[in-house]
Amino acid sequence: PFRIESIAPNWQPNTAQLTGLDAIGGLVDPLAVAEYDDYLSRARQDRLSDEYRSLNVRYLIAGVDQGAPAGYREALRTSTGLVVWEAPEPLPRAWITGSDVPVDIEQPESDRLILTLPANFPGGQLIVSQTAYPGWLAKIDGNDATLNEYDGVLQSLNVPAGAQNIELTFRPQGWLFYIGVTALSGIVWLSVLARTLALARRRSIFTE
């Protein structure tokens, strides 16, 4: 998997979401995570920096009049005034620091990530290019593991030697409680509505 970034003025902010592409930005959101916004602002100042490469951006979409970014190669030019530039050395969605050990990545849902390591994995620090937001849970070979932060924003995990299967799942704390409250509120609302309708029907019968 890879991400894109768009700086083209005629590219709508939600286009990536509508077409099923992963992007480092999105709609203008006043509730965005401040740490990520600060990181993104720094990384965009140099799109060849390690900070930017850690965001797993493979393609940059720009307008034809915006010029070629340094070090990027042209991958596609459209008739609608867009140019797709390919990054020279993007980092993968997940990697082991200081190592070329391959990490197989599967993302069956947006809130679940499955990583597989080779059988002879020697151990090391795993970096996952996604925001270290509260609510992400990690398991290594079925056992609970502690997620740390990398560079203050991304996810990091210390993986022991011999580990093979890592699963990351987004389960915000208290989400079952909030679902229960929502369901209870719905039941109360329906009960009040049913009682109101019943009283209105009785009144109509008496008035007739």
N, C-alpha and C. Protein backbone atom coordinates (compact mmCIF):
# COMPACT_ATOMS: atom_id res chain seq x y z
N PRO A 1 0.82 -1.21 0.00
CA PRO A 1 0.00 0.00 0.00
C PRO A 1 0.86 1.26 0.00
N PHE A 2 0.34 2.33 -0.59
CA PHE A 2 1.05 3.59 -0.62
C PHE A 2 0.05 4.73 -0.48
N ARG A 3 0.57 5.93 -0.24
CA ARG A 3 -0.28 7.11 -0.13
C ARG A 3 0.04 8.10 -1.24
N ILE A 4 -0.86 9.05 -1.41
CA ILE A 4 -0.65 10.12 -2.36
C ILE A 4 -0.77 11.46 -1.62
N GLU A 5 -0.25 12.49 -2.25
CA GLU A 5 -0.50 13.86 -1.80
C GLU A 5 -0.86 14.68 -3.02
N SER A 6 -1.79 15.59 -2.87
CA SER A 6 -2.17 16.46 -3.97
C SER A 6 -1.98 17.92 -3.57
N ILE A 7 -1.32 18.66 -4.46
CA ILE A 7 -1.17 20.10 -4.26
C ILE A 7 -1.82 20.85 -5.43
N ALA A 8 -2.53 20.12 -6.27
CA ALA A 8 -3.18 20.72 -7.45
C ALA A 8 -4.40 21.51 -7.02
N PRO A 9 -4.56 22.74 -7.50
CA PRO A 9 -5.72 23.55 -7.10
C PRO A 9 -7.04 22.99 -7.59
N ASN A 10 -7.05 22.23 -8.69
CA ASN A 10 -8.30 21.69 -9.21
C ASN A 10 -8.57 20.26 -8.75
N TRP A 11 -7.88 19.81 -7.72
CA TRP A 11 -8.11 18.49 -7.13
C TRP A 11 -8.93 18.69 -5.85
N GLN A 12 -10.12 18.15 -5.82
CA GLN A 12 -10.98 18.32 -4.65
C GLN A 12 -10.42 17.56 -3.44
N PRO A 13 -10.52 18.12 -2.23
CA PRO A 13 -9.90 17.51 -1.06
C PRO A 13 -10.37 16.09 -0.74
N ASN A 14 -11.62 15.75 -1.12
CA ASN A 14 -12.15 14.43 -0.78
C ASN A 14 -12.05 13.43 -1.93
N THR A 15 -11.33 13.78 -3.00
CA THR A 15 -11.25 12.89 -4.16
C THR A 15 -10.62 11.55 -3.80
N ALA A 16 -9.54 11.58 -3.02
CA ALA A 16 -8.88 10.33 -2.63
C ALA A 16 -9.83 9.42 -1.85
N GLN A 17 -10.59 9.99 -0.94
CA GLN A 17 -11.52 9.20 -0.15
C GLN A 17 -12.61 8.59 -1.02
N LEU A 18 -13.11 9.36 -1.98
CA LEU A 18 -14.18 8.86 -2.85
C LEU A 18 -13.70 7.77 -3.79
N THR A 19 -12.43 7.78 -4.16
CA THR A 19 -11.89 6.80 -5.11
C THR A 19 -11.15 5.66 -4.43
N GLY A 20 -11.11 5.65 -3.09
CA GLY A 20 -10.49 4.55 -2.37
C GLY A 20 -8.97 4.61 -2.30
N LEU A 21 -8.40 5.81 -2.45
CA LEU A 21 -6.96 5.98 -2.35
C LEU A 21 -6.58 6.50 -0.97
N ASP A 22 -5.40 6.13 -0.51
CA ASP A 22 -4.89 6.63 0.76
C ASP A 22 -4.12 7.92 0.51
N ALA A 23 -4.42 8.94 1.29
CA ALA A 23 -3.76 10.24 1.14
C ALA A 23 -3.29 10.74 2.50
N ILE A 24 -2.31 11.64 2.48
CA ILE A 24 -1.80 12.17 3.75
C ILE A 24 -2.62 13.36 4.23
N GLY A 25 -3.47 13.89 3.36
CA GLY A 25 -4.33 15.00 3.75
C GLY A 25 -5.78 14.59 3.64
N GLY A 26 -6.64 15.59 3.53
CA GLY A 26 -8.06 15.30 3.42
C GLY A 26 -8.83 16.59 3.50
N LEU A 27 -10.07 16.48 3.92
CA LEU A 27 -10.90 17.67 4.07
C LEU A 27 -10.36 18.57 5.17
N VAL A 28 -10.64 19.85 5.07
CA VAL A 28 -10.26 20.79 6.12
C VAL A 28 -11.08 20.45 7.36
N ASP A 29 -10.39 20.14 8.46
CA ASP A 29 -11.07 19.63 9.65
C ASP A 29 -10.56 20.35 10.88
N PRO A 30 -11.41 21.11 11.57
CA PRO A 30 -10.96 21.79 12.79
C PRO A 30 -10.64 20.83 13.93
N LEU A 31 -11.05 19.56 13.80
CA LEU A 31 -10.78 18.57 14.85
C LEU A 31 -9.59 17.68 14.49
N ALA A 32 -8.78 18.09 13.53
CA ALA A 32 -7.61 17.30 13.14
C ALA A 32 -6.62 17.21 14.30
N VAL A 33 -5.84 16.13 14.31
CA VAL A 33 -4.85 15.93 15.37
C VAL A 33 -3.73 16.95 15.20
N ALA A 34 -3.51 17.77 16.21
CA ALA A 34 -2.56 18.88 16.11
C ALA A 34 -1.14 18.39 15.86
N GLU A 35 -0.75 17.30 16.55
CA GLU A 35 0.61 16.78 16.38
C GLU A 35 0.87 16.35 14.95
N TYR A 36 -0.14 15.71 14.34
CA TYR A 36 0.03 15.27 12.95
C TYR A 36 0.08 16.47 12.01
N ASP A 37 -0.75 17.45 12.24
CA ASP A 37 -0.74 18.65 11.39
C ASP A 37 0.62 19.35 11.45
N ASP A 38 1.19 19.43 12.65
CA ASP A 38 2.52 20.05 12.80
C ASP A 38 3.58 19.23 12.07
N TYR A 39 3.50 17.92 12.21
CA TYR A 39 4.46 17.03 11.54
C TYR A 39 4.34 17.18 10.03
N LEU A 40 3.11 17.20 9.54
CA LEU A 40 2.87 17.32 8.10
C LEU A 40 3.39 18.64 7.56
N SER A 41 3.20 19.69 8.33
CA SER A 41 3.68 21.00 7.91
C SER A 41 5.21 21.01 7.78
N ARG A 42 5.89 20.38 8.72
CA ARG A 42 7.36 20.31 8.65
C ARG A 42 7.81 19.44 7.49
N ALA A 43 7.15 18.28 7.32
CA ALA A 43 7.56 17.32 6.29
C ALA A 43 7.40 17.89 4.90
N ARG A 44 6.37 18.69 4.68
CA ARG A 44 6.11 19.24 3.35
C ARG A 44 7.16 20.27 2.92
N GLN A 45 7.93 20.77 3.86
CA GLN A 45 8.97 21.74 3.51
C GLN A 45 10.10 21.10 2.71
N ASP A 46 10.27 19.79 2.85
CA ASP A 46 11.29 19.06 2.09
C ASP A 46 10.74 17.67 1.78
N ARG A 47 10.27 17.46 0.57
CA ARG A 47 9.65 16.19 0.21
C ARG A 47 10.65 15.09 -0.08
N LEU A 48 11.93 15.36 0.17
CA LEU A 48 12.96 14.31 0.11
C LEU A 48 13.46 13.97 1.50
N SER A 49 12.91 14.59 2.53
CA SER A 49 13.37 14.37 3.90
C SER A 49 12.85 13.05 4.44
N ASP A 50 13.49 12.56 5.50
CA ASP A 50 13.05 11.32 6.13
C ASP A 50 11.64 11.47 6.72
N GLU A 51 11.31 12.66 7.22
CA GLU A 51 9.97 12.88 7.78
C GLU A 51 8.91 12.67 6.70
N TYR A 52 9.13 13.23 5.54
CA TYR A 52 8.15 13.09 4.46
C TYR A 52 8.13 11.65 3.95
N ARG A 53 9.29 11.04 3.78
CA ARG A 53 9.36 9.67 3.29
C ARG A 53 8.64 8.71 4.24
N SER A 54 8.64 9.03 5.54
CA SER A 54 7.98 8.18 6.53
C SER A 54 6.47 8.17 6.37
N LEU A 55 5.94 9.10 5.61
CA LEU A 55 4.49 9.16 5.39
C LEU A 55 4.02 8.23 4.28
N ASN A 56 4.96 7.48 3.66
CA ASN A 56 4.60 6.46 2.68
C ASN A 56 3.96 7.06 1.43
N VAL A 57 4.38 8.30 1.08
CA VAL A 57 3.84 8.96 -0.12
C VAL A 57 4.64 8.49 -1.34
N ARG A 58 3.94 7.89 -2.28
CA ARG A 58 4.60 7.44 -3.51
C ARG A 58 4.36 8.41 -4.67
N TYR A 59 3.17 9.03 -4.68
CA TYR A 59 2.84 9.92 -5.80
C TYR A 59 2.40 11.29 -5.29
N LEU A 60 2.86 12.32 -5.99
CA LEU A 60 2.46 13.70 -5.74
C LEU A 60 1.70 14.20 -6.96
N ILE A 61 0.49 14.70 -6.74
CA ILE A 61 -0.35 15.18 -7.84
C ILE A 61 -0.32 16.70 -7.84
N ALA A 62 0.07 17.27 -8.96
CA ALA A 62 0.21 18.72 -9.07
C ALA A 62 -0.41 19.21 -10.36
N GLY A 63 -0.55 20.53 -10.47
CA GLY A 63 -1.00 21.13 -11.70
C GLY A 63 0.15 21.26 -12.69
N VAL A 64 -0.16 21.35 -13.97
CA VAL A 64 0.89 21.40 -14.99
C VAL A 64 1.75 22.65 -14.86
N ASP A 65 1.21 23.70 -14.24
CA ASP A 65 1.96 24.94 -14.13
C ASP A 65 2.69 25.08 -12.79
N GLN A 66 2.70 24.00 -11.98
CA GLN A 66 3.33 24.09 -10.67
C GLN A 66 4.79 23.65 -10.67
N GLY A 67 5.29 23.15 -11.78
CA GLY A 67 6.69 22.78 -11.86
C GLY A 67 6.98 21.41 -11.29
N ALA A 68 8.17 20.90 -11.64
CA ALA A 68 8.57 19.56 -11.19
C ALA A 68 9.23 19.63 -9.82
N PRO A 69 8.79 18.82 -8.86
CA PRO A 69 9.47 18.78 -7.56
C PRO A 69 10.85 18.15 -7.70
N ALA A 70 11.80 18.63 -6.94
CA ALA A 70 13.18 18.15 -7.03
C ALA A 70 13.26 16.65 -6.75
N GLY A 71 13.92 15.91 -7.62
CA GLY A 71 14.15 14.49 -7.42
C GLY A 71 13.02 13.58 -7.86
N TYR A 72 11.88 14.13 -8.22
CA TYR A 72 10.73 13.31 -8.61
C TYR A 72 10.74 13.10 -10.14
N ARG A 73 10.13 11.99 -10.57
CA ARG A 73 10.02 11.73 -12.01
C ARG A 73 8.56 11.76 -12.41
N GLU A 74 8.29 12.20 -13.64
CA GLU A 74 6.92 12.27 -14.12
C GLU A 74 6.40 10.88 -14.43
N ALA A 75 5.25 10.53 -13.82
CA ALA A 75 4.65 9.22 -14.04
C ALA A 75 3.44 9.29 -14.95
N LEU A 76 2.74 10.45 -14.95
CA LEU A 76 1.52 10.56 -15.75
C LEU A 76 1.18 12.03 -15.94
N ARG A 77 0.74 12.37 -17.14
CA ARG A 77 0.25 13.73 -17.44
C ARG A 77 -1.14 13.58 -18.05
N THR A 78 -2.12 14.25 -17.47
CA THR A 78 -3.50 14.08 -17.92
C THR A 78 -3.94 15.24 -18.80
N SER A 79 -5.05 15.03 -19.48
CA SER A 79 -5.61 16.08 -20.33
C SER A 79 -6.38 17.12 -19.53
N THR A 80 -6.54 16.87 -18.24
CA THR A 80 -7.28 17.80 -17.38
C THR A 80 -6.37 18.74 -16.61
N GLY A 81 -5.09 18.77 -16.98
CA GLY A 81 -4.17 19.72 -16.35
C GLY A 81 -3.49 19.21 -15.10
N LEU A 82 -3.42 17.90 -14.93
CA LEU A 82 -2.76 17.32 -13.76
C LEU A 82 -1.50 16.57 -14.19
N VAL A 83 -0.50 16.58 -13.31
CA VAL A 83 0.71 15.80 -13.51
C VAL A 83 0.94 14.96 -12.26
N VAL A 84 1.18 13.67 -12.44
CA VAL A 84 1.47 12.77 -11.32
C VAL A 84 2.98 12.55 -11.27
N TRP A 85 3.58 12.94 -10.14
CA TRP A 85 5.02 12.78 -9.95
C TRP A 85 5.27 11.63 -8.99
N GLU A 86 6.27 10.79 -9.30
CA GLU A 86 6.60 9.64 -8.45
C GLU A 86 7.81 9.96 -7.59
N ALA A 87 7.68 9.70 -6.29
CA ALA A 87 8.77 9.96 -5.35
C ALA A 87 9.93 9.00 -5.60
N PRO A 88 11.16 9.45 -5.40
CA PRO A 88 12.32 8.60 -5.71
C PRO A 88 12.49 7.41 -4.77
N GLU A 89 12.31 7.61 -3.45
CA GLU A 89 12.55 6.53 -2.49
C GLU A 89 11.54 6.60 -1.34
N PRO A 90 10.28 6.33 -1.61
CA PRO A 90 9.30 6.36 -0.51
C PRO A 90 9.50 5.18 0.43
N LEU A 91 9.28 5.41 1.70
CA LEU A 91 9.34 4.31 2.66
C LEU A 91 8.02 3.53 2.60
N PRO A 92 8.05 2.24 2.92
CA PRO A 92 6.82 1.43 2.88
C PRO A 92 5.88 1.80 4.01
N ARG A 93 4.73 1.18 4.06
CA ARG A 93 3.75 1.44 5.12
C ARG A 93 4.29 0.99 6.48
N ALA A 94 5.17 0.00 6.47
CA ALA A 94 5.78 -0.47 7.72
C ALA A 94 7.17 -1.00 7.41
N TRP A 95 8.10 -0.75 8.31
CA TRP A 95 9.47 -1.20 8.11
C TRP A 95 10.19 -1.39 9.44
N ILE A 96 11.31 -2.13 9.38
CA ILE A 96 12.15 -2.36 10.55
C ILE A 96 13.32 -1.38 10.47
N THR A 97 13.53 -0.62 11.52
CA THR A 97 14.59 0.39 11.50
C THR A 97 15.97 -0.27 11.37
N GLY A 98 16.79 0.32 10.50
CA GLY A 98 18.15 -0.16 10.32
C GLY A 98 18.25 -1.54 9.73
N SER A 99 17.22 -1.98 9.01
CA SER A 99 17.22 -3.34 8.48
C SER A 99 16.46 -3.36 7.16
N ASP A 100 16.77 -4.34 6.32
CA ASP A 100 16.02 -4.52 5.07
C ASP A 100 15.10 -5.73 5.15
N VAL A 101 14.75 -6.14 6.38
CA VAL A 101 13.82 -7.26 6.56
C VAL A 101 12.47 -6.89 5.96
N PRO A 102 11.93 -7.70 5.06
CA PRO A 102 10.64 -7.38 4.44
C PRO A 102 9.48 -7.53 5.42
N VAL A 103 8.51 -6.62 5.31
CA VAL A 103 7.30 -6.67 6.13
C VAL A 103 6.12 -6.79 5.18
N ASP A 104 5.43 -7.92 5.22
CA ASP A 104 4.25 -8.12 4.38
C ASP A 104 3.06 -7.44 5.03
N ILE A 105 2.30 -6.66 4.24
CA ILE A 105 1.25 -5.80 4.79
C ILE A 105 -0.09 -6.16 4.17
N GLU A 106 -1.10 -6.31 5.03
CA GLU A 106 -2.47 -6.54 4.57
C GLU A 106 -3.39 -5.63 5.39
N GLN A 107 -4.28 -4.93 4.72
CA GLN A 107 -5.22 -4.04 5.40
C GLN A 107 -6.65 -4.40 4.97
N PRO A 108 -7.26 -5.39 5.63
CA PRO A 108 -8.61 -5.81 5.25
C PRO A 108 -9.67 -4.75 5.52
N GLU A 109 -9.48 -3.94 6.57
CA GLU A 109 -10.38 -2.83 6.87
C GLU A 109 -9.55 -1.61 7.25
N SER A 110 -10.19 -0.44 7.22
CA SER A 110 -9.46 0.78 7.54
C SER A 110 -9.01 0.83 8.99
N ASP A 111 -9.65 0.06 9.87
CA ASP A 111 -9.28 0.07 11.28
C ASP A 111 -8.53 -1.19 11.69
N ARG A 112 -7.93 -1.88 10.72
CA ARG A 112 -7.22 -3.13 11.04
C ARG A 112 -6.05 -3.30 10.07
N LEU A 113 -4.90 -3.63 10.62
CA LEU A 113 -3.69 -3.81 9.82
C LEU A 113 -3.02 -5.11 10.27
N ILE A 114 -2.69 -5.98 9.31
CA ILE A 114 -2.03 -7.25 9.60
C ILE A 114 -0.65 -7.24 8.97
N LEU A 115 0.37 -7.46 9.77
CA LEU A 115 1.76 -7.46 9.31
C LEU A 115 2.36 -8.84 9.53
N THR A 116 3.12 -9.31 8.55
CA THR A 116 3.75 -10.62 8.65
C THR A 116 5.25 -10.47 8.43
N LEU A 117 6.03 -11.08 9.31
CA LEU A 117 7.49 -11.05 9.25
C LEU A 117 8.02 -12.42 8.85
N PRO A 118 9.21 -12.47 8.27
CA PRO A 118 9.78 -13.77 7.89
C PRO A 118 10.07 -14.63 9.11
N ALA A 119 10.17 -15.94 8.88
CA ALA A 119 10.32 -16.90 9.97
C ALA A 119 11.59 -16.68 10.77
N ASN A 120 12.63 -16.19 10.14
CA ASN A 120 13.91 -16.00 10.83
C ASN A 120 14.11 -14.57 11.30
N PHE A 121 13.04 -13.88 11.62
CA PHE A 121 13.13 -12.48 12.02
C PHE A 121 14.02 -12.33 13.25
N PRO A 122 15.06 -11.47 13.20
CA PRO A 122 16.01 -11.37 14.32
C PRO A 122 15.56 -10.47 15.45
N GLY A 123 14.43 -9.79 15.29
CA GLY A 123 13.99 -8.84 16.30
C GLY A 123 14.39 -7.43 15.92
N GLY A 124 13.60 -6.45 16.39
CA GLY A 124 13.93 -5.07 16.09
C GLY A 124 12.75 -4.14 16.31
N GLN A 125 12.96 -2.89 15.97
CA GLN A 125 11.92 -1.87 16.13
C GLN A 125 11.12 -1.74 14.83
N LEU A 126 9.83 -1.97 14.93
CA LEU A 126 8.93 -1.86 13.79
C LEU A 126 8.30 -0.47 13.79
N ILE A 127 8.36 0.21 12.65
CA ILE A 127 7.70 1.50 12.49
C ILE A 127 6.53 1.31 11.55
N VAL A 128 5.37 1.79 11.95
CA VAL A 128 4.17 1.71 11.13
C VAL A 128 3.75 3.13 10.77
N SER A 129 3.63 3.39 9.48
CA SER A 129 3.31 4.73 9.01
C SER A 129 1.82 5.01 9.13
N GLN A 130 1.37 5.15 10.37
CA GLN A 130 0.02 5.63 10.63
C GLN A 130 0.04 6.31 12.00
N THR A 131 -0.89 7.21 12.20
CA THR A 131 -0.87 8.07 13.38
C THR A 131 -1.04 7.27 14.67
N ALA A 132 -0.21 7.57 15.64
CA ALA A 132 -0.28 6.92 16.95
C ALA A 132 -1.39 7.55 17.77
N TYR A 133 -2.61 7.35 17.30
CA TYR A 133 -3.78 7.93 17.96
C TYR A 133 -4.28 6.98 19.04
N PRO A 134 -4.73 7.50 20.18
CA PRO A 134 -5.24 6.61 21.24
C PRO A 134 -6.37 5.72 20.74
N GLY A 135 -6.33 4.47 21.10
CA GLY A 135 -7.35 3.52 20.68
C GLY A 135 -6.81 2.39 19.82
N TRP A 136 -5.57 2.55 19.30
CA TRP A 136 -4.95 1.46 18.53
C TRP A 136 -4.39 0.42 19.49
N LEU A 137 -4.70 -0.84 19.24
CA LEU A 137 -4.22 -1.95 20.05
C LEU A 137 -3.35 -2.86 19.20
N ALA A 138 -2.32 -3.44 19.81
CA ALA A 138 -1.38 -4.29 19.07
C ALA A 138 -1.31 -5.67 19.70
N LYS A 139 -1.18 -6.67 18.83
CA LYS A 139 -0.94 -8.05 19.26
C LYS A 139 0.22 -8.61 18.44
N ILE A 140 1.14 -9.30 19.12
CA ILE A 140 2.25 -9.98 18.46
C ILE A 140 2.07 -11.48 18.69
N ASP A 141 1.84 -12.20 17.60
CA ASP A 141 1.56 -13.63 17.67
C ASP A 141 0.45 -13.94 18.68
N GLY A 142 -0.59 -13.10 18.69
CA GLY A 142 -1.75 -13.30 19.54
C GLY A 142 -1.63 -12.72 20.93
N ASN A 143 -0.46 -12.21 21.31
CA ASN A 143 -0.25 -11.65 22.65
C ASN A 143 -0.28 -10.13 22.61
N ASP A 144 -0.87 -9.52 23.64
CA ASP A 144 -0.94 -8.06 23.71
C ASP A 144 0.46 -7.46 23.74
N ALA A 145 0.62 -6.36 23.03
CA ALA A 145 1.91 -5.67 22.97
C ALA A 145 1.67 -4.17 23.14
N THR A 146 2.73 -3.47 23.54
CA THR A 146 2.64 -2.04 23.80
C THR A 146 3.05 -1.25 22.56
N LEU A 147 2.18 -0.34 22.14
CA LEU A 147 2.49 0.54 21.02
C LEU A 147 3.15 1.81 21.54
N ASN A 148 4.23 2.21 20.89
CA ASN A 148 4.94 3.42 21.25
C ASN A 148 4.82 4.44 20.12
N GLU A 149 5.43 5.61 20.31
CA GLU A 149 5.42 6.65 19.29
C GLU A 149 6.79 6.74 18.62
N TYR A 150 6.77 7.00 17.33
CA TYR A 150 7.98 7.24 16.56
C TYR A 150 7.93 8.66 16.01
N ASP A 151 8.94 9.42 16.33
CA ASP A 151 9.02 10.82 15.88
C ASP A 151 7.84 11.64 16.39
N GLY A 152 7.25 11.19 17.50
CA GLY A 152 6.17 11.92 18.12
C GLY A 152 4.82 11.77 17.47
N VAL A 153 4.73 11.04 16.33
CA VAL A 153 3.47 10.98 15.58
C VAL A 153 3.11 9.56 15.13
N LEU A 154 4.06 8.84 14.58
CA LEU A 154 3.78 7.53 14.00
C LEU A 154 3.86 6.42 15.05
N GLN A 155 3.46 5.22 14.66
CA GLN A 155 3.43 4.09 15.59
C GLN A 155 4.76 3.33 15.57
N SER A 156 5.14 2.85 16.73
CA SER A 156 6.37 2.07 16.87
C SER A 156 6.10 0.87 17.78
N LEU A 157 6.78 -0.23 17.48
CA LEU A 157 6.54 -1.46 18.23
C LEU A 157 7.85 -2.23 18.33
N ASN A 158 8.24 -2.60 19.54
CA ASN A 158 9.43 -3.43 19.73
C ASN A 158 9.04 -4.90 19.55
N VAL A 159 9.57 -5.51 18.51
CA VAL A 159 9.18 -6.87 18.15
C VAL A 159 10.31 -7.84 18.50
N PRO A 160 10.02 -8.88 19.28
CA PRO A 160 11.07 -9.84 19.66
C PRO A 160 11.47 -10.75 18.50
N ALA A 161 12.62 -11.36 18.64
CA ALA A 161 13.11 -12.29 17.62
C ALA A 161 12.16 -13.48 17.49
N GLY A 162 11.96 -13.91 16.26
CA GLY A 162 11.10 -15.05 16.00
C GLY A 162 9.64 -14.73 15.82
N ALA A 163 9.24 -13.49 16.13
CA ALA A 163 7.84 -13.11 15.95
C ALA A 163 7.50 -13.07 14.47
N GLN A 164 6.26 -13.41 14.15
CA GLN A 164 5.87 -13.46 12.74
C GLN A 164 4.60 -12.67 12.42
N ASN A 165 3.62 -12.72 13.31
CA ASN A 165 2.33 -12.12 13.01
C ASN A 165 2.03 -10.95 13.96
N ILE A 166 1.73 -9.80 13.38
CA ILE A 166 1.40 -8.62 14.15
C ILE A 166 0.06 -8.09 13.66
N GLU A 167 -0.83 -7.81 14.59
CA GLU A 167 -2.14 -7.28 14.23
C GLU A 167 -2.39 -5.98 14.98
N LEU A 168 -2.75 -4.95 14.25
CA LEU A 168 -3.10 -3.66 14.83
C LEU A 168 -4.58 -3.40 14.58
N THR A 169 -5.31 -3.08 15.64
CA THR A 169 -6.75 -2.88 15.54
C THR A 169 -7.13 -1.59 16.26
N PHE A 170 -8.02 -0.83 15.65
CA PHE A 170 -8.46 0.42 16.27
C PHE A 170 -9.73 0.17 17.07
N ARG A 171 -9.61 0.24 18.39
CA ARG A 171 -10.73 0.06 19.30
C ARG A 171 -10.67 1.15 20.35
N PRO A 172 -11.30 2.31 20.10
CA PRO A 172 -11.23 3.42 21.06
C PRO A 172 -11.74 3.01 22.43
N GLN A 173 -11.10 3.53 23.47
CA GLN A 173 -11.51 3.22 24.82
C GLN A 173 -12.93 3.71 25.07
N GLY A 174 -13.73 2.85 25.66
CA GLY A 174 -15.10 3.23 26.01
C GLY A 174 -16.09 3.18 24.87
N TRP A 175 -15.67 2.63 23.70
CA TRP A 175 -16.59 2.65 22.55
C TRP A 175 -17.82 1.80 22.79
N LEU A 176 -17.68 0.69 23.54
CA LEU A 176 -18.86 -0.12 23.86
C LEU A 176 -19.83 0.66 24.76
N PHE A 177 -19.26 1.45 25.68
CA PHE A 177 -20.10 2.26 26.55
C PHE A 177 -20.89 3.28 25.74
N TYR A 178 -20.23 3.93 24.78
CA TYR A 178 -20.91 4.93 23.97
C TYR A 178 -21.98 4.30 23.09
N ILE A 179 -21.70 3.10 22.57
CA ILE A 179 -22.71 2.40 21.77
C ILE A 179 -23.92 2.06 22.64
N GLY A 180 -23.65 1.62 23.88
CA GLY A 180 -24.74 1.31 24.79
C GLY A 180 -25.59 2.52 25.13
N VAL A 181 -24.93 3.65 25.37
CA VAL A 181 -25.66 4.88 25.67
C VAL A 181 -26.52 5.29 24.48
N THR A 182 -25.95 5.17 23.27
CA THR A 182 -26.70 5.52 22.07
C THR A 182 -27.92 4.62 21.91
N ALA A 183 -27.73 3.32 22.12
CA ALA A 183 -28.85 2.37 22.01
C ALA A 183 -29.92 2.67 23.05
N LEU A 184 -29.50 2.94 24.29
CA LEU A 184 -30.45 3.25 25.36
C LEU A 184 -31.23 4.53 25.03
N SER A 185 -30.53 5.53 24.50
CA SER A 185 -31.20 6.78 24.12
C SER A 185 -32.24 6.52 23.04
N GLY A 186 -31.90 5.64 22.09
CA GLY A 186 -32.86 5.30 21.03
C GLY A 186 -34.09 4.61 21.58
N ILE A 187 -33.87 3.70 22.54
CA ILE A 187 -35.01 2.99 23.14
C ILE A 187 -35.91 3.96 23.90
N VAL A 188 -35.30 4.87 24.67
CA VAL A 188 -36.10 5.86 25.41
C VAL A 188 -36.88 6.74 24.46
N TRP A 189 -36.21 7.18 23.39
CA TRP A 189 -36.89 8.05 22.41
C TRP A 189 -38.08 7.34 21.77
N LEU A 190 -37.89 6.07 21.40
CA LEU A 190 -38.98 5.31 20.80
C LEU A 190 -40.12 5.09 21.79
N SER A 191 -39.77 4.88 23.06
CA SER A 191 -40.81 4.70 24.08
C SER A 191 -41.64 5.96 24.26
N VAL A 192 -40.95 7.11 24.31
CA VAL A 192 -41.66 8.39 24.43
C VAL A 192 -42.53 8.63 23.21
N LEU A 193 -42.00 8.32 22.02
CA LEU A 193 -42.77 8.51 20.79
C LEU A 193 -44.01 7.62 20.79
N ALA A 194 -43.84 6.35 21.21
CA ALA A 194 -44.98 5.43 21.24
C ALA A 194 -46.04 5.90 22.22
N ARG A 195 -45.60 6.39 23.39
CA ARG A 195 -46.57 6.87 24.39
C ARG A 195 -47.28 8.12 23.88
N THR A 196 -46.54 9.00 23.23
CA THR A 196 -47.15 10.22 22.68
C THR A 196 -48.21 9.88 21.63
N LEU A 197 -47.90 8.94 20.75
CA LEU A 197 -48.85 8.53 19.72
C LEU A 197 -50.09 7.87 20.34
N ALA A 198 -49.84 7.07 21.40
CA ALA A 198 -50.97 6.41 22.06
C ALA A 198 -51.90 7.42 22.71
N LEU A 199 -51.32 8.45 23.38
CA LEU A 199 -52.14 9.48 24.01
C LEU A 199 -52.91 10.29 22.96
N ALA A 200 -52.24 10.58 21.83
CA ALA A 200 -52.91 11.32 20.77
C ALA A 200 -54.07 10.51 20.19
N ARG A 201 -53.90 9.22 20.10
CA ARG A 201 -54.99 8.37 19.58
C ARG A 201 -56.17 8.33 20.53
N ARG A 202 -55.87 8.27 21.84
CA ARG A 202 -56.96 8.27 22.83
C ARG A 202 -57.76 9.57 22.77
N ARG A 203 -57.02 10.69 22.66
CA ARG A 203 -57.71 11.98 22.58
C ARG A 203 -58.63 12.04 21.36
N SER A 204 -58.13 11.51 20.24
CA SER A 204 -58.93 11.55 19.02
C SER A 204 -60.18 10.69 19.16
N ILE A 205 -60.06 9.58 19.90
CA ILE A 205 -61.22 8.71 20.11
C ILE A 205 -62.27 9.42 20.98
N PHE A 206 -61.80 10.10 22.06
CA PHE A 206 -62.72 10.79 22.95
C PHE A 206 -63.40 11.96 22.27
N THR A 207 -62.69 12.68 21.44
CA THR A 207 -63.25 13.82 20.76
C THR A 207 -64.27 13.42 19.71
N GLU A 208 -64.12 12.20 19.18
CA GLU A 208 -65.09 11.73 18.17
C GLU A 208 -66.41 11.38 18.85
